[in-house]
Amino acid sequence: MTNSLNIPDLLMASLAPLQPELPRMILESFAAQGYRQGILSTAQVRTLLGHDSRWETEDFLAQHEAWPGPSAAEMASGAQALRSVPLP
């Protein structure tokens, strides 16, 4: 599937220096944010960006500081662990 993004001409003028790299930058931003939000898996990011290996994808995600958020179960477990810590 192909999608297009409409950017007003006024903004494109200021983005002109990025023009050759702009589509890739947008795609990478989408992939990183999708991973952060738990919408995309590591495998899906790899496919989307055409990486040759899982490690290339892991490097990409690390460079973009894209870490998945904690699950509700992990948050509950962490809260329970904090409750069990004795106060001084």
PDB file of N, CA and C in Angstrom:
ATOM      1  N   MET A   1       0.843  -1.164   0.000  1.00  0.00           N
ATOM      2  CA  MET A   1       0.000   0.000   0.000  1.00  0.00           C
ATOM      3  C   MET A   1       0.891   1.231   0.000  1.00  0.00           C
ATOM      4  N   THR A   2       0.454   2.214  -0.719  1.00  0.00           N
ATOM      5  CA  THR A   2       1.170   3.481  -0.765  1.00  0.00           C
ATOM      6  C   THR A   2       0.295   4.553  -0.155  1.00  0.00           C
ATOM      7  N   ASN A   3       0.882   5.341   0.707  1.00  0.00           N
ATOM      8  CA  ASN A   3       0.195   6.484   1.295  1.00  0.00           C
ATOM      9  C   ASN A   3       0.971   7.728   0.940  1.00  0.00           C
ATOM     10  N   SER A   4       0.275   8.830   0.903  1.00  0.00           N
ATOM     11  CA  SER A   4       0.964  10.089   0.634  1.00  0.00           C
ATOM     12  C   SER A   4       0.695  11.053   1.777  1.00  0.00           C
ATOM     13  N   LEU A   5       1.576  11.996   1.904  1.00  0.00           N
ATOM     14  CA  LEU A   5       1.500  12.984   2.964  1.00  0.00           C
ATOM     15  C   LEU A   5       1.488  14.351   2.304  1.00  0.00           C
ATOM     16  N   ASN A   6       0.513  15.158   2.632  1.00  0.00           N
ATOM     17  CA  ASN A   6       0.424  16.503   2.066  1.00  0.00           C
ATOM     18  C   ASN A   6       1.075  17.497   3.005  1.00  0.00           C
ATOM     19  N   ILE A   7       2.130  18.127   2.524  1.00  0.00           N
ATOM     20  CA  ILE A   7       2.839  19.153   3.289  1.00  0.00           C
ATOM     21  C   ILE A   7       2.649  20.461   2.526  1.00  0.00           C
ATOM     22  N   PRO A   8       2.144  21.495   3.181  1.00  0.00           N
ATOM     23  CA  PRO A   8       1.927  22.773   2.497  1.00  0.00           C
ATOM     24  C   PRO A   8       3.214  23.289   1.846  1.00  0.00           C
ATOM     25  N   ASP A   9       3.050  23.909   0.677  1.00  0.00           N
ATOM     26  CA  ASP A   9       4.200  24.430  -0.059  1.00  0.00           C
ATOM     27  C   ASP A   9       5.042  25.380   0.783  1.00  0.00           C
ATOM     28  N   LEU A  10       4.400  26.166   1.619  1.00  0.00           N
ATOM     29  CA  LEU A  10       5.125  27.112   2.465  1.00  0.00           C
ATOM     30  C   LEU A  10       6.107  26.373   3.380  1.00  0.00           C
ATOM     31  N   LEU A  11       5.687  25.235   3.921  1.00  0.00           N
ATOM     32  CA  LEU A  11       6.586  24.441   4.767  1.00  0.00           C
ATOM     33  C   LEU A  11       7.630  23.704   3.943  1.00  0.00           C
ATOM     34  N   MET A  12       7.259  23.267   2.761  1.00  0.00           N
ATOM     35  CA  MET A  12       8.215  22.542   1.919  1.00  0.00           C
ATOM     36  C   MET A  12       9.400  23.425   1.560  1.00  0.00           C
ATOM     37  N   ALA A  13       9.154  24.730   1.439  1.00  0.00           N
ATOM     38  CA  ALA A  13      10.259  25.636   1.130  1.00  0.00           C
ATOM     39  C   ALA A  13      11.325  25.566   2.217  1.00  0.00           C
ATOM     40  N   SER A  14      10.906  25.514   3.480  1.00  0.00           N
ATOM     41  CA  SER A  14      11.900  25.434   4.556  1.00  0.00           C
ATOM     42  C   SER A  14      12.472  24.032   4.710  1.00  0.00           C
ATOM     43  N   LEU A  15      11.789  23.039   4.177  1.00  0.00           N
ATOM     44  CA  LEU A  15      12.284  21.662   4.238  1.00  0.00           C
ATOM     45  C   LEU A  15      13.117  21.289   3.015  1.00  0.00           C
ATOM     46  N   ALA A  16      13.249  22.203   2.073  1.00  0.00           N
ATOM     47  CA  ALA A  16      13.973  21.935   0.830  1.00  0.00           C
ATOM     48  C   ALA A  16      15.363  21.340   1.044  1.00  0.00           C
ATOM     49  N   PRO A  17      16.141  21.831   2.022  1.00  0.00           N
ATOM     50  CA  PRO A  17      17.473  21.236   2.209  1.00  0.00           C
ATOM     51  C   PRO A  17      17.418  19.748   2.582  1.00  0.00           C
ATOM     52  N   LEU A  18      16.302  19.305   3.129  1.00  0.00           N
ATOM     53  CA  LEU A  18      16.163  17.901   3.520  1.00  0.00           C
ATOM     54  C   LEU A  18      15.537  17.051   2.424  1.00  0.00           C
ATOM     55  N   GLN A  19      15.165  17.668   1.320  1.00  0.00           N
ATOM     56  CA  GLN A  19      14.353  17.012   0.304  1.00  0.00           C
ATOM     57  C   GLN A  19      14.798  15.599  -0.075  1.00  0.00           C
ATOM     58  N   PRO A  20      16.046  15.356  -0.370  1.00  0.00           N
ATOM     59  CA  PRO A  20      16.382  13.981  -0.765  1.00  0.00           C
ATOM     60  C   PRO A  20      16.136  12.962   0.347  1.00  0.00           C
ATOM     61  N   GLU A  21      16.330  13.369   1.597  1.00  0.00           N
ATOM     62  CA  GLU A  21      16.199  12.445   2.720  1.00  0.00           C
ATOM     63  C   GLU A  21      14.838  12.500   3.398  1.00  0.00           C
ATOM     64  N   LEU A  22      13.991  13.456   3.053  1.00  0.00           N
ATOM     65  CA  LEU A  22      12.738  13.676   3.772  1.00  0.00           C
ATOM     66  C   LEU A  22      11.823  12.452   3.814  1.00  0.00           C
ATOM     67  N   PRO A  23      11.577  11.763   2.713  1.00  0.00           N
ATOM     68  CA  PRO A  23      10.698  10.582   2.802  1.00  0.00           C
ATOM     69  C   PRO A  23      11.232   9.522   3.772  1.00  0.00           C
ATOM     70  N   ARG A  24      12.532   9.291   3.752  1.00  0.00           N
ATOM     71  CA  ARG A  24      13.117   8.301   4.664  1.00  0.00           C
ATOM     72  C   ARG A  24      13.024   8.778   6.108  1.00  0.00           C
ATOM     73  N   MET A  25      13.248  10.067   6.342  1.00  0.00           N
ATOM     74  CA  MET A  25      13.159  10.614   7.697  1.00  0.00           C
ATOM     75  C   MET A  25      11.745  10.438   8.251  1.00  0.00           C
ATOM     76  N   ILE A  26      10.751  10.696   7.430  1.00  0.00           N
ATOM     77  CA  ILE A  26       9.364  10.542   7.863  1.00  0.00           C
ATOM     78  C   ILE A  26       9.069   9.082   8.161  1.00  0.00           C
ATOM     79  N   LEU A  27       9.528   8.187   7.287  1.00  0.00           N
ATOM     80  CA  LEU A  27       9.299   6.755   7.482  1.00  0.00           C
ATOM     81  C   LEU A  27       9.970   6.269   8.773  1.00  0.00           C
ATOM     82  N   GLU A  28      11.194   6.701   9.014  1.00  0.00           N
ATOM     83  CA  GLU A  28      11.904   6.291  10.224  1.00  0.00           C
ATOM     84  C   GLU A  28      11.229   6.848  11.479  1.00  0.00           C
ATOM     85  N   SER A  29      10.756   8.075  11.418  1.00  0.00           N
ATOM     86  CA  SER A  29      10.043   8.652  12.563  1.00  0.00           C
ATOM     87  C   SER A  29       8.770   7.868  12.851  1.00  0.00           C
ATOM     88  N   PHE A  30       8.058   7.511  11.807  1.00  0.00           N
ATOM     89  CA  PHE A  30       6.840   6.711  11.947  1.00  0.00           C
ATOM     90  C   PHE A  30       7.158   5.361  12.572  1.00  0.00           C
ATOM     91  N   ALA A  31       8.213   4.723  12.100  1.00  0.00           N
ATOM     92  CA  ALA A  31       8.593   3.402  12.617  1.00  0.00           C
ATOM     93  C   ALA A  31       8.985   3.479  14.090  1.00  0.00           C
ATOM     94  N   ALA A  32       9.800   4.453  14.449  1.00  0.00           N
ATOM     95  CA  ALA A  32      10.242   4.589  15.841  1.00  0.00           C
ATOM     96  C   ALA A  32       9.059   4.884  16.758  1.00  0.00           C
ATOM     97  N   GLN A  33       8.195   5.794  16.347  1.00  0.00           N
ATOM     98  CA  GLN A  33       7.041   6.137  17.191  1.00  0.00           C
ATOM     99  C   GLN A  33       6.065   4.968  17.274  1.00  0.00           C
ATOM    100  N   GLY A  34       5.870   4.260  16.188  1.00  0.00           N
ATOM    101  CA  GLY A  34       5.001   3.087  16.205  1.00  0.00           C
ATOM    102  C   GLY A  34       5.518   2.019  17.148  1.00  0.00           C
ATOM    103  N   TYR A  35       6.831   1.856  17.192  1.00  0.00           N
ATOM    104  CA  TYR A  35       7.435   0.879  18.106  1.00  0.00           C
ATOM    105  C   TYR A  35       7.275   1.329  19.552  1.00  0.00           C
ATOM    106  N   ARG A  36       7.538   2.624  19.810  1.00  0.00           N
ATOM    107  CA  ARG A  36       7.396   3.158  21.170  1.00  0.00           C
ATOM    108  C   ARG A  36       5.990   2.942  21.714  1.00  0.00           C
ATOM    109  N   GLN A  37       5.004   3.106  20.857  1.00  0.00           N
ATOM    110  CA  GLN A  37       3.615   2.991  21.279  1.00  0.00           C
ATOM    111  C   GLN A  37       3.109   1.553  21.292  1.00  0.00           C
ATOM    112  N   GLY A  38       3.951   0.624  20.883  1.00  0.00           N
ATOM    113  CA  GLY A  38       3.542  -0.773  20.885  1.00  0.00           C
ATOM    114  C   GLY A  38       2.672  -1.153  19.698  1.00  0.00           C
ATOM    115  N   ILE A  39       2.595  -0.288  18.703  1.00  0.00           N
ATOM    116  CA  ILE A  39       1.804  -0.560  17.502  1.00  0.00           C
ATOM    117  C   ILE A  39       2.579  -1.464  16.552  1.00  0.00           C
ATOM    118  N   LEU A  40       3.894  -1.261  16.487  1.00  0.00           N
ATOM    119  CA  LEU A  40       4.752  -2.047  15.607  1.00  0.00           C
ATOM    120  C   LEU A  40       5.712  -2.897  16.431  1.00  0.00           C
ATOM    121  N   SER A  41       5.927  -4.112  15.983  1.00  0.00           N
ATOM    122  CA  SER A  41       6.905  -4.993  16.616  1.00  0.00           C
ATOM    123  C   SER A  41       8.282  -4.730  15.998  1.00  0.00           C
ATOM    124  N   THR A  42       9.300  -5.311  16.596  1.00  0.00           N
ATOM    125  CA  THR A  42      10.645  -5.200  16.032  1.00  0.00           C
ATOM    126  C   THR A  42      10.674  -5.767  14.618  1.00  0.00           C
ATOM    127  N   ALA A  43      10.013  -6.897  14.412  1.00  0.00           N
ATOM    128  CA  ALA A  43       9.976  -7.520  13.077  1.00  0.00           C
ATOM    129  C   ALA A  43       9.272  -6.608  12.076  1.00  0.00           C
ATOM    130  N   GLN A  44       8.213  -5.953  12.499  1.00  0.00           N
ATOM    131  CA  GLN A  44       7.499  -5.057  11.588  1.00  0.00           C
ATOM    132  C   GLN A  44       8.336  -3.830  11.252  1.00  0.00           C
ATOM    133  N   VAL A  45       9.064  -3.307  12.222  1.00  0.00           N
ATOM    134  CA  VAL A  45       9.956  -2.183  11.961  1.00  0.00           C
ATOM    135  C   VAL A  45      11.033  -2.617  10.962  1.00  0.00           C
ATOM    136  N   ARG A  46      11.566  -3.810  11.155  1.00  0.00           N
ATOM    137  CA  ARG A  46      12.589  -4.328  10.243  1.00  0.00           C
ATOM    138  C   ARG A  46      12.060  -4.415   8.818  1.00  0.00           C
ATOM    139  N   THR A  47      10.858  -4.942   8.661  1.00  0.00           N
ATOM    140  CA  THR A  47      10.258  -5.062   7.332  1.00  0.00           C
ATOM    141  C   THR A  47       9.987  -3.687   6.735  1.00  0.00           C
ATOM    142  N   LEU A  48       9.418  -2.805   7.536  1.00  0.00           N
ATOM    143  CA  LEU A  48       9.075  -1.465   7.066  1.00  0.00           C
ATOM    144  C   LEU A  48      10.290  -0.705   6.562  1.00  0.00           C
ATOM    145  N   LEU A  49      11.397  -0.827   7.278  1.00  0.00           N
ATOM    146  CA  LEU A  49      12.598  -0.077   6.923  1.00  0.00           C
ATOM    147  C   LEU A  49      13.550  -0.838   6.003  1.00  0.00           C
ATOM    148  N   GLY A  50      13.244  -2.114   5.742  1.00  0.00           N
ATOM    149  CA  GLY A  50      14.083  -2.895   4.833  1.00  0.00           C
ATOM    150  C   GLY A  50      15.439  -3.250   5.397  1.00  0.00           C
ATOM    151  N   HIS A  51      15.509  -3.432   6.705  1.00  0.00           N
ATOM    152  CA  HIS A  51      16.788  -3.800   7.318  1.00  0.00           C
ATOM    153  C   HIS A  51      17.149  -5.246   6.963  1.00  0.00           C
ATOM    154  N   ASP A  52      18.441  -5.498   6.869  1.00  0.00           N
ATOM    155  CA  ASP A  52      18.929  -6.830   6.527  1.00  0.00           C
ATOM    156  C   ASP A  52      18.954  -7.780   7.714  1.00  0.00           C
ATOM    157  N   SER A  53      18.999  -7.237   8.922  1.00  0.00           N
ATOM    158  CA  SER A  53      19.083  -8.102  10.089  1.00  0.00           C
ATOM    159  C   SER A  53      18.322  -7.500  11.260  1.00  0.00           C
ATOM    160  N   ARG A  54      18.043  -8.364  12.217  1.00  0.00           N
ATOM    161  CA  ARG A  54      17.396  -7.905  13.447  1.00  0.00           C
ATOM    162  C   ARG A  54      18.301  -6.911  14.169  1.00  0.00           C
ATOM    163  N   TRP A  55      19.604  -7.146  14.088  1.00  0.00           N
ATOM    164  CA  TRP A  55      20.560  -6.290  14.804  1.00  0.00           C
ATOM    165  C   TRP A  55      20.580  -4.893  14.209  1.00  0.00           C
ATOM    166  N   GLU A  56      20.394  -4.784  12.910  1.00  0.00           N
ATOM    167  CA  GLU A  56      20.320  -3.466  12.277  1.00  0.00           C
ATOM    168  C   GLU A  56      19.094  -2.713  12.817  1.00  0.00           C
ATOM    169  N   THR A  57      17.998  -3.443  12.996  1.00  0.00           N
ATOM    170  CA  THR A  57      16.789  -2.843  13.550  1.00  0.00           C
ATOM    171  C   THR A  57      17.001  -2.454  15.008  1.00  0.00           C
ATOM    172  N   GLU A  58      17.639  -3.332  15.778  1.00  0.00           N
ATOM    173  CA  GLU A  58      17.927  -3.017  17.181  1.00  0.00           C
ATOM    174  C   GLU A  58      18.795  -1.765  17.273  1.00  0.00           C
ATOM    175  N   ASP A  59      19.806  -1.647  16.419  1.00  0.00           N
ATOM    176  CA  ASP A  59      20.654  -0.453  16.404  1.00  0.00           C
ATOM    177  C   ASP A  59      19.839   0.790  16.062  1.00  0.00           C
ATOM    178  N   PHE A  60      18.969   0.671  15.060  1.00  0.00           N
ATOM    179  CA  PHE A  60      18.109   1.787  14.671  1.00  0.00           C
ATOM    180  C   PHE A  60      17.253   2.242  15.855  1.00  0.00           C
ATOM    181  N   LEU A  61      16.603   1.285  16.522  1.00  0.00           N
ATOM    182  CA  LEU A  61      15.731   1.628  17.645  1.00  0.00           C
ATOM    183  C   LEU A  61      16.519   2.261  18.787  1.00  0.00           C
ATOM    184  N   ALA A  62      17.724   1.769  19.050  1.00  0.00           N
ATOM    185  CA  ALA A  62      18.564   2.345  20.101  1.00  0.00           C
ATOM    186  C   ALA A  62      18.975   3.773  19.740  1.00  0.00           C
ATOM    187  N   GLN A  63      19.351   4.000  18.486  1.00  0.00           N
ATOM    188  CA  GLN A  63      19.748   5.339  18.053  1.00  0.00           C
ATOM    189  C   GLN A  63      18.599   6.334  18.176  1.00  0.00           C
ATOM    190  N   HIS A  64      17.380   5.844  18.018  1.00  0.00           N
ATOM    191  CA  HIS A  64      16.208   6.710  18.111  1.00  0.00           C
ATOM    192  C   HIS A  64      15.559   6.672  19.496  1.00  0.00           C
ATOM    193  N   GLU A  65      16.276   6.046  20.436  1.00  0.00           N
ATOM    194  CA  GLU A  65      15.795   5.919  21.811  1.00  0.00           C
ATOM    195  C   GLU A  65      14.342   5.458  21.841  1.00  0.00           C
ATOM    196  N   ALA A  66      14.067   4.464  21.020  1.00  0.00           N
ATOM    197  CA  ALA A  66      12.718   3.908  20.916  1.00  0.00           C
ATOM    198  C   ALA A  66      12.657   2.631  21.736  1.00  0.00           C
ATOM    199  N   TRP A  67      12.100   2.756  22.903  1.00  0.00           N
ATOM    200  CA  TRP A  67      11.939   1.615  23.789  1.00  0.00           C
ATOM    201  C   TRP A  67      10.453   1.434  24.022  1.00  0.00           C
ATOM    202  N   PRO A  68       9.991   0.222  24.017  1.00  0.00           N
ATOM    203  CA  PRO A  68       8.560   0.025  24.282  1.00  0.00           C
ATOM    204  C   PRO A  68       8.250   0.407  25.726  1.00  0.00           C
ATOM    205  N   GLY A  69       7.080   0.937  25.930  1.00  0.00           N
ATOM    206  CA  GLY A  69       6.664   1.300  27.284  1.00  0.00           C
ATOM    207  C   GLY A  69       6.346   0.060  28.097  1.00  0.00           C
ATOM    208  N   PRO A  70       6.320   0.201  29.407  1.00  0.00           N
ATOM    209  CA  PRO A  70       5.998  -0.956  30.252  1.00  0.00           C
ATOM    210  C   PRO A  70       4.533  -1.350  30.089  1.00  0.00           C
ATOM    211  N   SER A  71       4.268  -2.626  30.211  1.00  0.00           N
ATOM    212  CA  SER A  71       2.890  -3.100  30.135  1.00  0.00           C
ATOM    213  C   SER A  71       2.183  -2.800  31.454  1.00  0.00           C
ATOM    214  N   ALA A  72       0.880  -2.925  31.456  1.00  0.00           N
ATOM    215  CA  ALA A  72       0.108  -2.700  32.679  1.00  0.00           C
ATOM    216  C   ALA A  72       0.528  -3.683  33.757  1.00  0.00           C
ATOM    217  N   ALA A  73       0.793  -4.926  33.375  1.00  0.00           N
ATOM    218  CA  ALA A  73       1.219  -5.940  34.337  1.00  0.00           C
ATOM    219  C   ALA A  73       2.577  -5.579  34.945  1.00  0.00           C
ATOM    220  N   GLU A  74       3.488  -5.071  34.115  1.00  0.00           N
ATOM    221  CA  GLU A  74       4.797  -4.668  34.627  1.00  0.00           C
ATOM    222  C   GLU A  74       4.662  -3.490  35.591  1.00  0.00           C
ATOM    223  N   MET A  75       3.781  -2.554  35.272  1.00  0.00           N
ATOM    224  CA  MET A  75       3.564  -1.413  36.161  1.00  0.00           C
ATOM    225  C   MET A  75       2.975  -1.875  37.495  1.00  0.00           C
ATOM    226  N   ALA A  76       2.006  -2.792  37.443  1.00  0.00           N
ATOM    227  CA  ALA A  76       1.388  -3.299  38.670  1.00  0.00           C
ATOM    228  C   ALA A  76       2.411  -4.045  39.512  1.00  0.00           C
ATOM    229  N   SER A  77       3.253  -4.832  38.862  1.00  0.00           N
ATOM    230  CA  SER A  77       4.278  -5.577  39.568  1.00  0.00           C
ATOM    231  C   SER A  77       5.276  -4.627  40.235  1.00  0.00           C
ATOM    232  N   GLY A  78       5.666  -3.588  39.518  1.00  0.00           N
ATOM    233  CA  GLY A  78       6.592  -2.604  40.068  1.00  0.00           C
ATOM    234  C   GLY A  78       5.992  -1.863  41.245  1.00  0.00           C
ATOM    235  N   ALA A  79       4.715  -1.515  41.132  1.00  0.00           N
ATOM    236  CA  ALA A  79       4.036  -0.826  42.234  1.00  0.00           C
ATOM    237  C   ALA A  79       3.969  -1.727  43.463  1.00  0.00           C
ATOM    238  N   GLN A  80       3.668  -2.998  43.246  1.00  0.00           N
ATOM    239  CA  GLN A  80       3.600  -3.950  44.359  1.00  0.00           C
ATOM    240  C   GLN A  80       4.969  -4.097  45.021  1.00  0.00           C
ATOM    241  N   ALA A  81       6.020  -4.162  44.219  1.00  0.00           N
ATOM    242  CA  ALA A  81       7.369  -4.279  44.766  1.00  0.00           C
ATOM    243  C   ALA A  81       7.714  -3.053  45.605  1.00  0.00           C
ATOM    244  N   LEU A  82       7.312  -1.875  45.153  1.00  0.00           N
ATOM    245  CA  LEU A  82       7.581  -0.656  45.922  1.00  0.00           C
ATOM    246  C   LEU A  82       6.821  -0.658  47.240  1.00  0.00           C
ATOM    247  N   ARG A  83       5.608  -1.165  47.227  1.00  0.00           N
ATOM    248  CA  ARG A  83       4.814  -1.222  48.471  1.00  0.00           C
ATOM    249  C   ARG A  83       5.442  -2.137  49.504  1.00  0.00           C
ATOM    250  N   SER A  84       6.180  -3.134  49.045  1.00  0.00           N
ATOM    251  CA  SER A  84       6.756  -4.100  49.983  1.00  0.00           C
ATOM    252  C   SER A  84       8.113  -3.672  50.532  1.00  0.00           C
ATOM    253  N   VAL A  85       8.633  -2.547  50.066  1.00  0.00           N
ATOM    254  CA  VAL A  85       9.926  -2.054  50.563  1.00  0.00           C
ATOM    255  C   VAL A  85       9.711  -1.429  51.929  1.00  0.00           C
ATOM    256  N   PRO A  86      10.440  -1.910  52.932  1.00  0.00           N
ATOM    257  CA  PRO A  86      10.259  -1.348  54.283  1.00  0.00           C
ATOM    258  C   PRO A  86      10.790   0.077  54.347  1.00  0.00           C
ATOM    259  N   LEU A  87      10.075   0.914  55.044  1.00  0.00           N
ATOM    260  CA  LEU A  87      10.506   2.295  55.231  1.00  0.00           C
ATOM    261  C   LEU A  87      11.529   2.348  56.362  1.00  0.00           C
ATOM    262  N   PRO A  88      12.503   3.241  56.257  1.00  0.00           N
ATOM    263  CA  PRO A  88      13.519   3.336  57.311  1.00  0.00           C
ATOM    264  C   PRO A  88      12.979   3.860  58.613  1.00  0.00           C
TER     265      PRO A  88
END
